[in-house]
Protein backbone atom coordinates (compact mmCIF):
# COMPACT_ATOMS: atom_id res chain seq x y z
CA MET A 1 -126.08 22.70 -187.21
CA LYS A 2 -125.34 21.13 -183.80
CA ASN A 3 -126.40 17.73 -185.18
CA ILE A 4 -123.60 17.69 -187.71
CA PRO A 5 -120.61 15.70 -186.37
CA ASP A 6 -117.46 17.68 -185.49
CA PHE A 7 -115.36 15.49 -187.74
CA PHE A 8 -117.33 16.73 -190.78
CA PHE A 9 -116.13 20.28 -190.14
CA SER A 10 -112.57 19.05 -189.47
CA ALA A 11 -112.56 17.10 -192.73
CA MET A 12 -113.90 20.12 -194.62
CA ARG A 13 -111.19 22.36 -193.13
CA ALA A 14 -108.55 19.79 -194.08
CA MET A 15 -109.84 19.55 -197.65
CA LEU A 16 -109.87 23.34 -198.06
CA LEU A 17 -106.38 23.70 -196.65
CA MET A 18 -105.04 20.94 -198.96
CA ALA A 19 -106.66 22.59 -201.97
CA THR A 20 -105.11 25.91 -200.99
CA ILE A 21 -101.63 24.54 -200.45
CA THR A 22 -101.80 22.62 -203.73
CA ALA A 23 -102.83 25.68 -205.76
CA TYR A 24 -100.47 28.01 -203.94
CA GLY A 25 -97.54 25.61 -203.60
CA GLN A 26 -97.43 24.78 -207.32
CA GLN A 27 -96.74 28.44 -208.07
CA GLY A 28 -93.95 28.81 -205.51
CA PRO A 29 -93.21 32.02 -203.60
CA GLN A 30 -93.68 35.30 -205.42
CA PHE A 31 -92.03 38.63 -204.88
CA THR A 32 -93.25 42.05 -206.11
CA GLN A 33 -89.74 43.44 -205.72
CA PHE A 34 -88.23 40.75 -207.90
CA MET A 35 -85.87 43.24 -209.57
CA PHE A 36 -84.16 43.90 -206.18
CA ASN A 37 -84.09 40.26 -205.08
CA ASN A 38 -82.37 38.58 -208.01
CA LEU A 39 -80.61 35.67 -206.26
CA ALA A 40 -83.98 34.38 -205.08
CA ILE A 41 -85.06 33.82 -208.65
CA ASN A 42 -81.78 32.99 -210.38
CA PRO A 43 -78.66 31.25 -209.01
CA ALA A 44 -76.53 32.72 -211.82
CA TYR A 45 -76.77 36.13 -210.10
CA ALA A 46 -74.44 35.03 -207.26
CA GLY A 47 -71.52 37.50 -207.17
CA ALA A 48 -73.08 39.89 -209.66
CA ASP A 49 -72.90 42.79 -207.14
CA GLU A 50 -69.11 42.27 -207.04
CA ALA A 51 -69.19 42.62 -203.22
CA LEU A 52 -70.72 40.82 -200.31
CA SER A 53 -74.45 41.55 -200.62
CA MET A 54 -77.23 40.49 -198.19
CA THR A 55 -80.94 40.86 -198.86
CA ALA A 56 -83.96 40.13 -196.57
CA VAL A 57 -87.58 40.19 -197.78
CA SER A 58 -90.79 39.73 -195.76
CA ARG A 59 -94.08 39.36 -197.61
CA THR A 60 -97.59 39.20 -196.09
CA GLN A 61 -100.24 38.01 -198.54
CA TRP A 62 -103.90 39.03 -198.06
CA SER A 63 -103.25 41.11 -194.99
CA GLY A 64 -105.72 40.55 -192.18
CA ILE A 65 -106.74 37.00 -193.29
CA GLU A 66 -106.03 34.33 -190.73
CA ASN A 67 -103.57 31.70 -191.95
CA ALA A 68 -102.89 33.63 -195.15
CA PRO A 69 -99.55 33.08 -196.95
CA VAL A 70 -96.46 34.62 -195.33
CA THR A 71 -93.12 34.43 -197.17
CA THR A 72 -89.70 35.32 -195.76
CA SER A 73 -86.46 35.13 -197.70
CA PHE A 74 -82.82 35.83 -197.03
CA SER A 75 -79.93 35.76 -199.45
CA ALA A 76 -76.21 36.45 -199.19
CA HIS A 77 -73.63 36.26 -201.99
CA GLY A 78 -70.29 37.57 -203.10
CA LEU A 79 -67.64 37.36 -205.81
CA VAL A 80 -64.71 35.00 -205.29
CA PHE A 81 -61.56 34.86 -207.47
CA ASP A 82 -62.95 37.51 -209.87
CA LYS A 83 -65.03 35.03 -211.89
CA VAL A 84 -66.71 32.78 -209.31
CA GLY A 85 -69.75 33.83 -207.31
CA LEU A 86 -71.02 31.93 -204.25
CA GLY A 87 -74.28 32.49 -202.43
CA LEU A 88 -76.85 31.21 -199.96
CA THR A 89 -80.61 31.51 -200.18
CA VAL A 90 -83.20 30.71 -197.53
CA VAL A 91 -86.89 30.92 -198.36
CA ASP A 92 -89.63 30.17 -195.82
CA ASP A 93 -93.18 29.90 -197.19
CA ARG A 94 -96.09 29.40 -194.83
CA ILE A 95 -99.87 29.06 -195.43
CA GLY A 96 -102.34 27.64 -192.92
CA VAL A 97 -100.92 24.49 -191.26
CA HIS A 98 -98.29 24.15 -194.02
CA ALA A 99 -94.68 25.39 -194.02
CA ILE A 100 -92.15 24.96 -196.87
CA THR A 101 -88.56 25.95 -196.14
CA THR A 102 -85.80 25.80 -198.76
CA VAL A 103 -82.04 26.29 -197.97
CA ALA A 104 -79.78 26.26 -201.00
CA GLY A 105 -76.24 27.07 -201.96
CA ASN A 106 -75.53 28.89 -205.23
CA TYR A 107 -72.59 28.77 -207.57
CA ALA A 108 -72.10 31.08 -210.54
CA TYR A 109 -69.27 31.49 -213.11
CA HIS A 110 -68.98 34.92 -214.75
CA ILE A 111 -67.54 35.50 -218.24
CA ARG A 112 -66.80 38.93 -219.63
CA ALA A 113 -68.89 39.50 -222.77
CA GLY A 114 -67.85 43.07 -223.47
CA ARG A 115 -66.12 46.12 -221.98
CA SER A 116 -68.65 46.26 -219.12
CA SER A 117 -70.99 43.34 -219.73
CA PHE A 118 -70.94 39.77 -218.31
CA ILE A 119 -72.65 36.44 -218.86
CA SER A 120 -72.96 34.07 -215.93
CA MET A 121 -73.98 30.46 -215.54
CA GLY A 122 -75.25 29.21 -212.21
CA ILE A 123 -76.36 26.12 -210.40
CA GLN A 124 -78.21 25.65 -207.14
CA GLY A 125 -78.33 22.77 -204.72
CA GLY A 126 -80.03 22.38 -201.40
CA VAL A 127 -82.87 20.85 -199.41
CA THR A 128 -86.56 21.60 -198.96
CA ARG A 129 -88.42 20.79 -195.79
CA PHE A 130 -92.18 20.25 -195.79
CA VAL A 131 -94.19 20.49 -192.55
CA SER A 132 -97.93 20.04 -192.26
CA ASP A 133 -99.45 20.35 -188.78
CA TYR A 134 -102.76 18.61 -189.33
CA PRO A 135 -103.37 17.81 -185.62
CA SER A 136 -103.72 21.58 -185.01
CA ILE A 137 -106.96 21.59 -187.02
CA ALA A 138 -108.24 18.19 -185.89
CA GLY A 139 -110.02 19.52 -182.82
CA ASN A 140 -112.11 16.72 -181.33
CA SER A 141 -112.16 14.76 -184.56
CA ASN A 142 -111.14 11.08 -184.49
CA ASP A 143 -110.29 11.14 -188.26
CA PRO A 144 -106.89 9.38 -188.50
CA LYS A 145 -106.02 11.49 -191.59
CA LEU A 146 -105.93 14.53 -189.40
CA ALA A 147 -103.72 12.91 -186.81
CA ASN A 148 -100.65 12.86 -189.03
CA TYR A 149 -97.92 15.47 -188.43
CA ILE A 150 -95.94 15.61 -191.72
CA ASN A 151 -92.27 16.51 -191.52
CA GLN A 152 -90.27 15.56 -194.60
CA THR A 153 -87.05 16.84 -196.17
CA ARG A 154 -86.12 16.44 -199.83
CA PRO A 155 -83.07 17.43 -201.92
CA ASP A 156 -83.55 20.06 -204.65
CA ILE A 157 -81.60 21.58 -207.53
CA GLY A 158 -81.83 24.56 -209.90
CA ALA A 159 -79.95 26.31 -212.68
CA GLY A 160 -79.79 29.63 -214.43
CA LEU A 161 -78.23 31.95 -217.00
CA TYR A 162 -77.76 35.70 -216.44
CA PHE A 163 -76.61 38.68 -218.58
CA ARG A 164 -75.76 42.03 -217.05
CA SER A 165 -74.51 45.35 -218.43
CA PRO A 166 -74.93 49.01 -217.42
CA LYS A 167 -78.19 49.24 -219.35
CA LEU A 168 -79.65 45.68 -219.57
CA ASP A 169 -80.07 42.77 -217.14
CA ALA A 170 -81.72 39.54 -218.35
CA GLY A 171 -81.90 36.00 -217.08
CA LEU A 172 -83.42 32.55 -217.47
CA SER A 173 -83.74 30.12 -214.59
CA ALA A 174 -85.35 26.85 -213.53
CA LEU A 175 -85.85 26.19 -209.82
CA GLY A 176 -87.15 23.15 -207.96
CA LEU A 177 -86.17 20.74 -210.75
CA LEU A 178 -86.74 17.68 -208.50
CA THR A 179 -90.41 16.73 -208.19
CA ARG A 180 -91.70 17.38 -204.73
CA ARG A 181 -94.14 14.82 -203.35
CA MET A 182 -95.32 14.55 -199.79
CA ALA A 183 -96.82 11.44 -198.15
CA ILE A 184 -99.99 12.22 -196.21
CA SER A 185 -100.46 8.59 -195.21
CA ASN A 186 -99.23 5.12 -196.22
CA THR A 187 -101.50 5.19 -199.26
CA VAL A 188 -101.97 8.90 -200.10
CA THR A 189 -99.32 11.26 -201.53
CA THR A 190 -99.63 14.77 -202.95
CA LYS A 191 -97.41 16.61 -205.39
CA LEU A 192 -96.59 19.98 -203.89
CA GLN A 193 -94.59 21.68 -206.60
CA ASN A 194 -93.22 21.27 -210.07
CA ALA A 195 -90.21 23.15 -211.47
CA ASP A 196 -90.48 26.94 -211.67
CA PHE A 197 -89.32 28.37 -215.00
CA LEU A 198 -88.57 32.11 -214.87
CA ALA A 199 -87.52 34.72 -217.43
CA TYR A 200 -86.38 38.15 -216.24
CA MET A 201 -85.47 41.46 -217.92
CA ARG A 202 -84.74 45.01 -216.76
CA TYR A 203 -83.60 47.90 -218.94
CA ARG A 204 -82.22 51.30 -217.80
CA MET A 205 -82.98 54.41 -219.88
CA ARG A 206 -81.29 57.58 -218.71
CA LEU A 207 -83.68 60.41 -219.37
CA ASN A 208 -81.38 63.20 -218.11
CA GLU A 209 -78.82 63.81 -215.36
CA THR A 210 -81.56 63.48 -212.74
CA TRP A 211 -84.06 60.80 -213.90
CA THR A 212 -83.73 57.20 -215.11
CA LEU A 213 -86.57 55.05 -216.42
CA GLU A 214 -86.35 51.35 -215.61
CA PRO A 215 -88.94 48.96 -217.15
CA ALA A 216 -88.75 45.38 -215.98
CA MET A 217 -90.61 42.09 -216.60
CA LEU A 218 -90.77 38.70 -214.95
CA VAL A 219 -92.40 35.81 -216.85
CA LYS A 220 -93.35 32.72 -214.77
CA TYR A 221 -94.22 29.27 -216.06
CA PHE A 222 -95.27 26.39 -213.79
CA PRO A 223 -96.12 23.10 -215.53
CA GLY A 224 -99.85 22.50 -215.40
CA LEU A 225 -100.71 26.19 -215.13
CA SER A 226 -100.98 29.03 -217.69
CA PRO A 227 -97.89 31.34 -217.89
CA SER A 228 -98.14 34.50 -215.82
CA PHE A 229 -96.12 37.71 -215.82
CA ASP A 230 -95.24 40.81 -213.84
CA VAL A 231 -94.63 44.06 -215.74
CA ASN A 232 -93.03 47.04 -213.95
CA GLY A 233 -92.15 50.61 -214.80
CA SER A 234 -90.00 52.52 -212.31
CA LEU A 235 -88.56 56.05 -212.18
CA VAL A 236 -85.26 56.58 -210.39
CA TYR A 237 -84.34 60.00 -209.04
CA LYS A 238 -80.56 60.63 -208.78
CA LYS A 239 -79.99 56.94 -208.05
CA VAL A 240 -81.50 57.56 -204.59
CA ILE A 241 -85.29 57.33 -204.80
CA THR A 242 -87.16 54.75 -206.90
CA GLY A 243 -90.96 54.72 -207.37
CA GLY A 244 -92.73 52.26 -209.58
CA VAL A 245 -96.01 50.60 -210.69
CA SER A 246 -96.40 46.92 -211.61
CA TYR A 247 -99.13 44.80 -213.08
CA ARG A 248 -99.35 41.13 -212.11
CA SER A 249 -101.41 39.32 -214.70
CA ASN A 250 -105.01 38.74 -213.65
CA GLU A 251 -104.13 39.38 -210.05
CA SER A 252 -103.03 42.82 -208.84
CA ILE A 253 -101.77 46.34 -209.42
CA ASP A 254 -98.66 46.92 -207.30
CA LEU A 255 -96.90 50.04 -206.06
CA LEU A 256 -93.31 49.95 -204.98
CA PHE A 257 -90.88 52.35 -203.42
CA LYS A 258 -87.12 52.02 -202.77
CA LEU A 259 -84.80 54.39 -200.93
CA GLN A 260 -81.01 54.25 -201.14
CA LEU A 261 -80.22 55.35 -197.59
CA THR A 262 -76.43 55.12 -197.98
CA THR A 263 -74.08 53.81 -200.60
CA SER A 264 -74.44 50.38 -198.96
CA LEU A 265 -77.95 50.32 -197.47
CA GLN A 266 -81.25 50.33 -199.32
CA PHE A 267 -84.85 49.86 -198.15
CA GLY A 268 -87.86 48.86 -200.28
CA TYR A 269 -91.63 48.50 -199.79
CA ALA A 270 -94.33 47.19 -202.09
CA TYR A 271 -98.13 47.31 -201.83
CA ASP A 272 -100.27 44.90 -203.89
CA HIS A 273 -103.89 45.80 -204.55
CA PRO A 274 -105.96 42.80 -205.88
CA LEU A 275 -107.88 43.34 -209.09
CA LYS A 276 -110.56 40.73 -208.57
CA SER A 277 -112.81 40.25 -205.60
CA ARG A 278 -112.42 36.72 -204.19
CA ILE A 279 -114.89 36.77 -201.31
CA SER A 280 -112.81 37.50 -198.19
CA LEU A 281 -109.49 37.36 -200.06
CA ASN A 282 -109.91 40.81 -201.52
CA ARG A 283 -107.17 42.11 -199.26
CA ALA A 284 -103.95 43.96 -199.98
CA SER A 285 -100.49 42.42 -199.64
CA HIS A 286 -97.40 44.04 -198.19
CA GLU A 287 -93.73 43.37 -198.85
CA VAL A 288 -90.65 44.86 -197.17
CA MET A 289 -87.09 44.56 -198.45
CA VAL A 290 -83.73 45.47 -196.90
CA ASN A 291 -80.43 45.14 -198.75
CA TYR A 292 -76.88 45.79 -197.58
CA VAL A 293 -73.83 45.66 -199.86
CA PHE A 294 -70.36 45.79 -198.22
CA ARG A 295 -68.88 48.18 -200.74
CA LYS A 296 -65.35 49.46 -200.46
CA VAL A 297 -65.14 53.15 -199.50
CA HIS A 298 -62.16 54.94 -200.95
CA LYS A 299 -61.06 57.84 -198.79
CA ASN A 300 -58.79 60.62 -199.92
CA VAL A 301 -55.29 60.31 -198.55
CA VAL A 302 -53.23 63.52 -198.12
CA SER A 303 -49.52 63.16 -198.68
CA PRO A 304 -47.47 64.07 -195.61
CA ARG A 305 -45.26 66.21 -197.84
């Protein structure tokens, strides 16, 4: 093995990492707690909470594997002038030497469709930054392809439709509509990601005064890949404790838990157990979610008389 040049190993590492980022990047970030992180998957959700709402999610894929994917997202949105929702989303996706960060503004217009139901239309505009730190894996290699530090920023847009009512939430969205290509050298480019087409649904069935059943589904389509889906079934106890099980097609069985700590603050956790052994990648994934909604608290006022 000592007779094999160092650049061979460097080149092999670079090829493996590029294959990984191509396969992973085309699918975009994924969230097990998608039903609690709506703005990250649909710009038309901006303002749907009818109050200033902030959500942070941290996801660690394949826990324990060096350079495995790590995704962090933050969103904030609120309702303005009764019908207009504005929001901000930041998603940072990292794998190996690659980092993809998207910052986008969201605009949604809400139309009353019934006594307590609404339809909203949303658009998203922002920028995506691509960074690839190839020199960090070059080692002693003299390969010029591994000497390039890639740092490029591209504009991006998205759009969505959303329906919400006390029992049913449903949405369609398309994110990353501008083709994302990254130049590795003067003669080599790679397409990192096509548009992400998403369909979402959640239904609330009140079983009794204590329990509510909430099935949900997220269907994902990425051009060039077969459609995939997440199916979830959750039980809610007195609107305080939520426990659920999800199935991600051909990938994992997921457990999730959410606790409504106060009327404004909720905490969620998800554990993904992979279904198929992929050599060393047969590791669990963990996802943590925190949401805070600035709800108005009405206090009883006693008349001085």
